[in-house]
Amino acid sequence: MSIVERNIDEIIILCNLHKVKELYVFGSAITDDFTENSDIDLLIQFDSIDPVEYFDNYMDIKEKLEALFNRPIDLVENQAIKNPIFRI
């Protein structure tokens, strides 16, 4: 069972509290390359959220996920991928 699967109930609670529409795991966390030193890469999409609340909401869920997994979280917001400035 993966680190994500072991914590799925807590992840669901955090997502509900932080108005998360979708959350995806990618990178080494879903491969055999994942180690005790690996970070966890997550792609997140929020439900409609007030722009004033956005930053605090983003940082809060990131910090709570890092505490839950006891490792760094690379949290990529879905909108950043859609922004042509961030595309290669």
Protein backbone atom coordinates (compact mmCIF):
# COMPACT_ATOMS: atom_id res chain seq x y z
CA MET A 1 0.00 0.00 0.00
CA SER A 2 1.40 3.41 -0.99
CA ILE A 3 1.92 6.33 1.37
CA VAL A 4 -1.03 8.07 -0.29
CA GLU A 5 -3.33 5.06 0.06
CA ARG A 6 -2.41 4.70 3.74
CA ASN A 7 -3.52 8.30 4.37
CA ILE A 8 -6.52 8.53 2.05
CA ASP A 9 -9.10 9.25 4.78
CA GLU A 10 -7.07 12.20 6.10
CA ILE A 11 -6.46 13.44 2.55
CA ILE A 12 -10.19 13.43 1.84
CA ILE A 13 -10.88 15.41 5.01
CA LEU A 14 -8.22 18.01 4.11
CA CYS A 15 -9.58 18.30 0.56
CA ASN A 16 -13.10 18.88 1.84
CA LEU A 17 -11.93 21.50 4.33
CA HIS A 18 -9.90 23.35 1.69
CA LYS A 19 -12.42 23.32 -1.17
CA VAL A 20 -10.37 20.97 -3.35
CA LYS A 21 -12.15 19.84 -6.50
CA GLU A 22 -9.45 17.42 -7.71
CA LEU A 23 -6.13 16.14 -6.38
CA TYR A 24 -3.73 13.97 -8.36
CA VAL A 25 -0.49 12.29 -7.38
CA PHE A 26 2.33 12.18 -9.94
CA GLY A 27 6.07 11.68 -10.00
CA SER A 28 8.10 9.23 -7.93
CA ALA A 29 5.31 8.67 -5.37
CA ILE A 30 3.58 6.42 -7.90
CA THR A 31 6.70 4.58 -9.02
CA ASP A 32 9.25 2.18 -7.59
CA ASP A 33 11.68 5.13 -7.39
CA PHE A 34 9.89 6.55 -4.32
CA THR A 35 12.14 6.53 -1.23
CA GLU A 36 12.03 7.79 2.34
CA ASN A 37 13.79 10.94 1.06
CA SER A 38 11.39 11.64 -1.82
CA ASP A 39 8.98 14.52 -1.87
CA ILE A 40 5.39 14.00 -3.00
CA ASP A 41 4.23 15.70 -6.19
CA LEU A 42 0.57 16.69 -6.22
CA LEU A 43 -1.56 18.47 -8.82
CA ILE A 44 -4.43 20.33 -7.20
CA GLN A 45 -7.53 22.07 -8.51
CA PHE A 46 -9.72 24.08 -6.18
CA ASP A 47 -13.45 24.63 -6.43
CA SER A 48 -14.44 28.23 -7.02
CA ILE A 49 -12.64 30.12 -4.32
CA ASP A 50 -12.48 33.79 -3.43
CA PRO A 51 -9.18 35.18 -4.72
CA VAL A 52 -8.60 36.79 -1.31
CA GLU A 53 -8.79 33.35 0.36
CA TYR A 54 -6.78 31.55 -2.31
CA PHE A 55 -3.22 32.06 -1.03
CA ASP A 56 -4.03 31.24 2.60
CA ASN A 57 -6.02 28.19 1.52
CA TYR A 58 -3.21 26.98 -0.76
CA MET A 59 -0.49 27.44 1.88
CA ASP A 60 -2.61 25.88 4.62
CA ILE A 61 -3.36 22.67 2.72
CA LYS A 62 0.29 22.44 1.61
CA GLU A 63 1.50 22.72 5.22
CA LYS A 64 -1.08 20.21 6.45
CA LEU A 65 -0.17 17.70 3.74
CA GLU A 66 3.53 18.08 4.60
CA ALA A 67 2.71 17.40 8.26
CA LEU A 68 0.54 14.41 7.33
CA PHE A 69 3.20 12.81 5.13
CA ASN A 70 6.16 14.11 7.15
CA ARG A 71 7.98 15.12 3.97
CA PRO A 72 8.05 17.99 1.46
CA ILE A 73 5.08 18.41 -0.87
CA ASP A 74 5.44 19.87 -4.35
CA LEU A 75 1.93 21.25 -4.82
CA VAL A 76 1.22 22.36 -8.40
CA GLU A 77 -2.01 24.24 -9.05
CA ASN A 78 -3.92 23.22 -12.15
CA GLN A 79 -4.21 26.84 -13.32
CA ALA A 80 -0.41 27.16 -13.46
CA ILE A 81 -0.26 24.42 -16.09
CA LYS A 82 -2.92 26.16 -18.17
CA ASN A 83 -0.99 29.45 -18.04
CA PRO A 84 1.09 29.71 -21.27
CA ILE A 85 3.89 31.46 -19.37
CA PHE A 86 4.63 28.18 -17.55
CA ARG A 87 4.59 25.97 -20.64
CA ILE A 88 7.75 24.89 -22.37
